[in-house]
Amino acid sequence: MSGKASKYRYRMSIQKASLTRSAVGQQKESWSDSFSFWGGLERAYRGEEMLGGTRESKTLKVASVGYHYVTLRSRSDKTISTMDRVRHGTRIMDIMSIDRSSAEEIKLLCREIQP
C-alpha cells in the first residue's frame, strides 16, 4: 500500500435549484441535494483556463482566490450542468465549466460563493 490518500476523499453533493412563489407571488430560489459523491478538490491557479478539456496555464504558483477543481468519477446515470452547484460541508461552489473529456472522470471548475 502506498500510503497516498485517495484521489476521491471528500464527500460532496451536487445541488439543483428550484423556484417557488411566496404567498405574495415573489419568486424564491431554493437549493436541494440531487446526489452525493466522493470527489477530489484542488485549488485552481490564476491564468488556468479549461479549454476543450485541457488546462492552458499562463501564470502558475499564484492561487486564484475562491476557484477550485472538483473531480468525480463519470456517472452516466446523473446529469450535471453549469446551472448546478457543489456543496462540500458548509462550502458552496458555483459550477463555472465542465470537462467531460475523460471517460473515467468529470472535472468541474468551480467558484466558491462567499456567505
N, C-alpha and C. Protein backbone atom coordinates (compact mmCIF):
# COMPACT_ATOMS: atom_id res chain seq x y z
N MET A 1 0.83 -1.17 0.00
CA MET A 1 0.00 0.00 0.00
C MET A 1 0.88 1.24 0.00
N SER A 2 0.52 2.26 -0.79
CA SER A 2 1.38 3.41 -0.97
C SER A 2 1.28 4.44 0.14
N GLY A 3 0.19 4.46 0.89
CA GLY A 3 0.03 5.46 1.93
C GLY A 3 -0.52 6.77 1.40
N LYS A 4 -0.66 6.89 0.08
CA LYS A 4 -1.21 8.10 -0.52
C LYS A 4 -2.73 8.11 -0.34
N ALA A 5 -3.26 9.25 0.05
CA ALA A 5 -4.70 9.36 0.24
C ALA A 5 -5.41 9.22 -1.09
N SER A 6 -6.61 8.70 -1.04
CA SER A 6 -7.41 8.51 -2.24
C SER A 6 -7.66 9.84 -2.95
N LYS A 7 -7.69 9.79 -4.27
CA LYS A 7 -7.98 10.98 -5.07
C LYS A 7 -9.39 11.49 -4.77
N TYR A 8 -10.30 10.56 -4.50
CA TYR A 8 -11.70 10.90 -4.25
C TYR A 8 -11.99 10.77 -2.75
N ARG A 9 -11.46 11.68 -1.95
CA ARG A 9 -11.55 11.52 -0.50
C ARG A 9 -12.53 12.48 0.18
N TYR A 10 -13.15 13.39 -0.56
CA TYR A 10 -14.08 14.35 0.04
C TYR A 10 -15.52 14.00 -0.31
N ARG A 11 -16.39 14.07 0.67
CA ARG A 11 -17.82 13.81 0.43
C ARG A 11 -18.46 15.13 0.01
N MET A 12 -19.07 15.13 -1.16
CA MET A 12 -19.68 16.34 -1.72
C MET A 12 -21.05 16.00 -2.30
N SER A 13 -21.80 17.03 -2.65
CA SER A 13 -23.11 16.85 -3.27
C SER A 13 -23.27 17.83 -4.42
N ILE A 14 -24.00 17.40 -5.44
CA ILE A 14 -24.45 18.31 -6.50
C ILE A 14 -25.81 18.81 -6.06
N GLN A 15 -26.00 20.12 -6.11
CA GLN A 15 -27.27 20.71 -5.74
C GLN A 15 -27.93 21.32 -6.98
N LYS A 16 -29.24 21.20 -7.03
CA LYS A 16 -30.03 21.77 -8.11
C LYS A 16 -31.01 22.77 -7.52
N ALA A 17 -31.27 23.83 -8.29
CA ALA A 17 -32.15 24.90 -7.82
C ALA A 17 -33.60 24.60 -8.21
N SER A 18 -34.50 25.11 -7.40
CA SER A 18 -35.91 25.09 -7.75
C SER A 18 -36.50 26.45 -7.37
N LEU A 19 -37.47 26.89 -8.13
CA LEU A 19 -38.11 28.16 -7.88
C LEU A 19 -39.50 27.93 -7.31
N THR A 20 -39.81 28.65 -6.26
CA THR A 20 -41.14 28.61 -5.67
C THR A 20 -41.65 30.04 -5.57
N ARG A 21 -42.93 30.17 -5.34
CA ARG A 21 -43.52 31.50 -5.16
C ARG A 21 -44.03 31.65 -3.74
N SER A 22 -43.79 32.83 -3.19
CA SER A 22 -44.29 33.13 -1.84
C SER A 22 -45.79 33.43 -1.91
N ALA A 23 -46.40 33.64 -0.77
CA ALA A 23 -47.83 33.94 -0.71
C ALA A 23 -48.17 35.22 -1.46
N VAL A 24 -47.20 36.14 -1.58
CA VAL A 24 -47.45 37.40 -2.30
C VAL A 24 -46.96 37.33 -3.75
N GLY A 25 -46.52 36.15 -4.18
CA GLY A 25 -46.16 35.96 -5.59
C GLY A 25 -44.70 36.20 -5.94
N GLN A 26 -43.85 36.46 -4.96
CA GLN A 26 -42.43 36.66 -5.24
C GLN A 26 -41.75 35.32 -5.45
N GLN A 27 -40.84 35.26 -6.44
CA GLN A 27 -40.09 34.04 -6.68
C GLN A 27 -38.99 33.89 -5.64
N LYS A 28 -38.82 32.66 -5.20
CA LYS A 28 -37.77 32.35 -4.23
C LYS A 28 -37.00 31.15 -4.75
N GLU A 29 -35.67 31.26 -4.76
CA GLU A 29 -34.82 30.17 -5.21
C GLU A 29 -34.40 29.35 -3.99
N SER A 30 -34.54 28.03 -4.09
CA SER A 30 -34.06 27.16 -3.03
C SER A 30 -33.23 26.05 -3.66
N TRP A 31 -32.28 25.53 -2.90
CA TRP A 31 -31.35 24.51 -3.39
C TRP A 31 -31.53 23.24 -2.59
N SER A 32 -31.46 22.10 -3.29
CA SER A 32 -31.52 20.81 -2.60
C SER A 32 -30.51 19.86 -3.25
N ASP A 33 -30.01 18.93 -2.43
CA ASP A 33 -29.05 17.95 -2.93
C ASP A 33 -29.71 17.04 -3.95
N SER A 34 -29.07 16.89 -5.10
CA SER A 34 -29.54 15.99 -6.15
C SER A 34 -28.92 14.60 -5.96
N PHE A 35 -27.59 14.58 -5.75
CA PHE A 35 -26.90 13.33 -5.45
C PHE A 35 -25.57 13.64 -4.78
N SER A 36 -25.06 12.68 -4.03
CA SER A 36 -23.79 12.82 -3.32
C SER A 36 -22.74 11.95 -3.99
N PHE A 37 -21.47 12.31 -3.79
CA PHE A 37 -20.38 11.57 -4.40
C PHE A 37 -19.10 11.78 -3.60
N TRP A 38 -18.13 10.90 -3.82
CA TRP A 38 -16.78 11.08 -3.29
C TRP A 38 -15.98 11.75 -4.39
N GLY A 39 -15.36 12.88 -4.08
CA GLY A 39 -14.64 13.62 -5.11
C GLY A 39 -13.31 14.18 -4.64
N GLY A 40 -12.55 14.66 -5.61
CA GLY A 40 -11.29 15.33 -5.35
C GLY A 40 -11.49 16.83 -5.36
N LEU A 41 -10.66 17.55 -4.63
CA LEU A 41 -10.74 19.00 -4.56
C LEU A 41 -9.34 19.58 -4.61
N GLU A 42 -9.09 20.46 -5.57
CA GLU A 42 -7.79 21.12 -5.65
C GLU A 42 -7.99 22.58 -6.07
N ARG A 43 -7.11 23.43 -5.59
CA ARG A 43 -7.20 24.85 -5.89
C ARG A 43 -6.79 25.08 -7.35
N ALA A 44 -7.55 25.94 -8.04
CA ALA A 44 -7.20 26.34 -9.40
C ALA A 44 -6.22 27.50 -9.29
N TYR A 45 -5.36 27.62 -10.26
CA TYR A 45 -4.35 28.67 -10.24
C TYR A 45 -4.64 29.74 -11.26
N ARG A 46 -4.29 30.96 -10.91
CA ARG A 46 -4.53 32.11 -11.78
C ARG A 46 -3.92 31.85 -13.15
N GLY A 47 -4.69 32.18 -14.18
CA GLY A 47 -4.21 32.02 -15.53
C GLY A 47 -4.61 30.70 -16.16
N GLU A 48 -5.09 29.75 -15.35
CA GLU A 48 -5.53 28.48 -15.92
C GLU A 48 -6.94 28.64 -16.48
N GLU A 49 -7.16 28.07 -17.62
CA GLU A 49 -8.49 28.02 -18.20
C GLU A 49 -8.72 26.63 -18.73
N MET A 50 -9.93 26.15 -18.61
CA MET A 50 -10.25 24.85 -19.19
C MET A 50 -10.79 25.08 -20.58
N LEU A 51 -10.05 24.66 -21.57
CA LEU A 51 -10.43 24.82 -22.96
C LEU A 51 -10.46 23.46 -23.62
N GLY A 52 -11.64 22.99 -23.96
CA GLY A 52 -11.75 21.70 -24.63
C GLY A 52 -11.16 20.56 -23.84
N GLY A 53 -11.25 20.63 -22.53
CA GLY A 53 -10.76 19.54 -21.70
C GLY A 53 -9.30 19.63 -21.33
N THR A 54 -8.62 20.71 -21.70
CA THR A 54 -7.22 20.85 -21.32
C THR A 54 -7.06 22.12 -20.50
N ARG A 55 -6.04 22.13 -19.69
CA ARG A 55 -5.72 23.33 -18.92
C ARG A 55 -4.63 24.07 -19.65
N GLU A 56 -4.87 25.33 -19.95
CA GLU A 56 -3.83 26.18 -20.51
C GLU A 56 -3.43 27.14 -19.41
N SER A 57 -2.16 27.16 -19.10
CA SER A 57 -1.70 27.95 -17.97
C SER A 57 -0.81 29.09 -18.44
N LYS A 58 -1.15 30.28 -17.97
CA LYS A 58 -0.34 31.45 -18.29
C LYS A 58 0.59 31.79 -17.13
N THR A 59 0.09 31.69 -15.91
CA THR A 59 0.87 32.00 -14.72
C THR A 59 0.55 30.98 -13.66
N LEU A 60 1.53 30.22 -13.24
CA LEU A 60 1.31 29.22 -12.20
C LEU A 60 1.82 29.73 -10.85
N LYS A 61 1.56 28.98 -9.82
CA LYS A 61 2.05 29.20 -8.46
C LYS A 61 1.31 30.29 -7.71
N VAL A 62 0.41 31.03 -8.34
CA VAL A 62 -0.34 32.06 -7.63
C VAL A 62 -1.79 31.61 -7.58
N ALA A 63 -2.29 31.29 -6.41
CA ALA A 63 -3.64 30.75 -6.28
C ALA A 63 -4.68 31.81 -6.59
N SER A 64 -5.69 31.42 -7.36
CA SER A 64 -6.84 32.28 -7.59
C SER A 64 -7.79 32.09 -6.43
N VAL A 65 -8.12 33.16 -5.77
CA VAL A 65 -8.96 33.08 -4.58
C VAL A 65 -10.35 32.58 -4.98
N GLY A 66 -10.76 31.50 -4.32
CA GLY A 66 -12.12 31.01 -4.49
C GLY A 66 -12.38 30.10 -5.67
N TYR A 67 -11.37 29.77 -6.49
CA TYR A 67 -11.59 28.88 -7.62
C TYR A 67 -10.97 27.52 -7.33
N HIS A 68 -11.72 26.46 -7.63
CA HIS A 68 -11.29 25.10 -7.33
C HIS A 68 -11.69 24.16 -8.46
N TYR A 69 -10.93 23.07 -8.58
CA TYR A 69 -11.33 21.98 -9.46
C TYR A 69 -11.93 20.90 -8.57
N VAL A 70 -13.10 20.41 -8.94
CA VAL A 70 -13.74 19.29 -8.28
C VAL A 70 -13.75 18.15 -9.27
N THR A 71 -13.24 16.99 -8.86
CA THR A 71 -13.16 15.82 -9.74
C THR A 71 -14.02 14.70 -9.18
N LEU A 72 -14.80 14.07 -10.04
CA LEU A 72 -15.60 12.93 -9.63
C LEU A 72 -15.60 11.87 -10.73
N ARG A 73 -15.88 10.66 -10.36
CA ARG A 73 -15.96 9.58 -11.35
C ARG A 73 -17.13 9.84 -12.29
N SER A 74 -16.96 9.52 -13.57
CA SER A 74 -18.04 9.70 -14.55
C SER A 74 -19.25 8.90 -14.13
N ARG A 75 -20.40 9.51 -14.27
CA ARG A 75 -21.66 8.86 -13.89
C ARG A 75 -22.67 9.10 -15.01
N SER A 76 -23.00 8.06 -15.73
CA SER A 76 -23.95 8.21 -16.83
C SER A 76 -25.38 8.32 -16.32
N ASP A 77 -25.61 7.93 -15.07
CA ASP A 77 -26.97 7.97 -14.51
C ASP A 77 -27.33 9.33 -13.91
N LYS A 78 -26.40 10.27 -13.86
CA LYS A 78 -26.64 11.57 -13.25
C LYS A 78 -26.30 12.69 -14.23
N THR A 79 -27.03 13.79 -14.16
CA THR A 79 -26.73 14.94 -15.01
C THR A 79 -26.14 16.06 -14.16
N ILE A 80 -25.19 16.75 -14.73
CA ILE A 80 -24.55 17.91 -14.09
C ILE A 80 -24.51 19.01 -15.14
N SER A 81 -24.89 20.22 -14.74
CA SER A 81 -24.82 21.36 -15.66
C SER A 81 -24.24 22.58 -14.92
N THR A 82 -23.95 23.63 -15.66
CA THR A 82 -23.42 24.85 -15.05
C THR A 82 -24.51 25.63 -14.30
N MET A 83 -25.73 25.14 -14.34
CA MET A 83 -26.82 25.73 -13.55
C MET A 83 -26.84 25.14 -12.13
N ASP A 84 -26.06 24.08 -11.91
CA ASP A 84 -25.99 23.41 -10.61
C ASP A 84 -24.85 24.00 -9.78
N ARG A 85 -24.73 23.51 -8.57
CA ARG A 85 -23.61 23.90 -7.73
C ARG A 85 -23.15 22.71 -6.90
N VAL A 86 -21.96 22.86 -6.29
CA VAL A 86 -21.37 21.80 -5.47
C VAL A 86 -21.41 22.24 -4.01
N ARG A 87 -21.83 21.31 -3.12
CA ARG A 87 -21.78 21.57 -1.68
C ARG A 87 -20.75 20.63 -1.09
N HIS A 88 -19.82 21.20 -0.34
CA HIS A 88 -18.79 20.43 0.37
C HIS A 88 -18.81 20.90 1.82
N GLY A 89 -19.52 20.17 2.67
CA GLY A 89 -19.71 20.62 4.05
C GLY A 89 -20.52 21.91 4.05
N THR A 90 -19.94 22.96 4.60
CA THR A 90 -20.63 24.26 4.61
C THR A 90 -20.21 25.13 3.42
N ARG A 91 -19.28 24.64 2.62
CA ARG A 91 -18.80 25.41 1.45
C ARG A 91 -19.72 25.16 0.26
N ILE A 92 -20.03 26.23 -0.45
CA ILE A 92 -20.87 26.17 -1.65
C ILE A 92 -20.06 26.73 -2.82
N MET A 93 -20.09 26.02 -3.97
CA MET A 93 -19.33 26.45 -5.14
C MET A 93 -20.20 26.38 -6.39
N ASP A 94 -20.26 27.49 -7.13
CA ASP A 94 -20.93 27.51 -8.43
C ASP A 94 -20.08 26.77 -9.44
N ILE A 95 -20.72 26.02 -10.33
CA ILE A 95 -20.01 25.31 -11.39
C ILE A 95 -19.84 26.27 -12.57
N MET A 96 -18.60 26.56 -12.92
CA MET A 96 -18.30 27.50 -14.00
C MET A 96 -18.13 26.79 -15.34
N SER A 97 -17.49 25.61 -15.33
CA SER A 97 -17.33 24.83 -16.56
C SER A 97 -17.20 23.35 -16.20
N ILE A 98 -17.47 22.51 -17.20
CA ILE A 98 -17.46 21.05 -17.01
C ILE A 98 -16.58 20.43 -18.08
N ASP A 99 -15.63 19.62 -17.66
CA ASP A 99 -14.73 18.92 -18.57
C ASP A 99 -15.09 17.43 -18.54
N ARG A 100 -15.64 16.96 -19.66
CA ARG A 100 -16.02 15.54 -19.77
C ARG A 100 -15.13 14.81 -20.76
N SER A 101 -13.91 15.29 -20.98
CA SER A 101 -13.03 14.71 -21.99
C SER A 101 -12.50 13.33 -21.60
N SER A 102 -12.52 13.00 -20.34
CA SER A 102 -12.06 11.69 -19.88
C SER A 102 -13.26 10.76 -19.72
N ALA A 103 -13.08 9.50 -20.09
CA ALA A 103 -14.15 8.51 -19.91
C ALA A 103 -14.30 8.10 -18.45
N GLU A 104 -13.24 8.29 -17.65
CA GLU A 104 -13.26 7.84 -16.25
C GLU A 104 -13.75 8.88 -15.26
N GLU A 105 -13.56 10.17 -15.56
CA GLU A 105 -13.91 11.18 -14.57
C GLU A 105 -14.42 12.46 -15.21
N ILE A 106 -15.10 13.23 -14.40
CA ILE A 106 -15.60 14.55 -14.78
C ILE A 106 -14.87 15.57 -13.93
N LYS A 107 -14.41 16.65 -14.55
CA LYS A 107 -13.70 17.69 -13.81
C LYS A 107 -14.51 18.99 -13.92
N LEU A 108 -14.81 19.58 -12.76
CA LEU A 108 -15.60 20.80 -12.69
C LEU A 108 -14.71 21.96 -12.25
N LEU A 109 -14.76 23.07 -12.95
CA LEU A 109 -14.13 24.29 -12.48
C LEU A 109 -15.20 25.05 -11.72
N CYS A 110 -14.95 25.31 -10.43
CA CYS A 110 -15.96 25.92 -9.56
C CYS A 110 -15.44 27.19 -8.92
N ARG A 111 -16.38 28.08 -8.62
CA ARG A 111 -16.07 29.33 -7.90
C ARG A 111 -16.79 29.30 -6.57
N GLU A 112 -16.03 29.43 -5.51
CA GLU A 112 -16.63 29.38 -4.17
C GLU A 112 -17.47 30.64 -3.93
N ILE A 113 -18.65 30.43 -3.36
CA ILE A 113 -19.57 31.53 -3.04
C ILE A 113 -19.31 31.94 -1.60
N GLN A 114 -19.11 33.21 -1.38
CA GLN A 114 -18.88 33.72 -0.02
C GLN A 114 -20.24 33.96 0.65
N PRO A 115 -20.43 33.43 1.86
CA PRO A 115 -21.74 33.59 2.55
C PRO A 115 -22.01 35.03 2.92
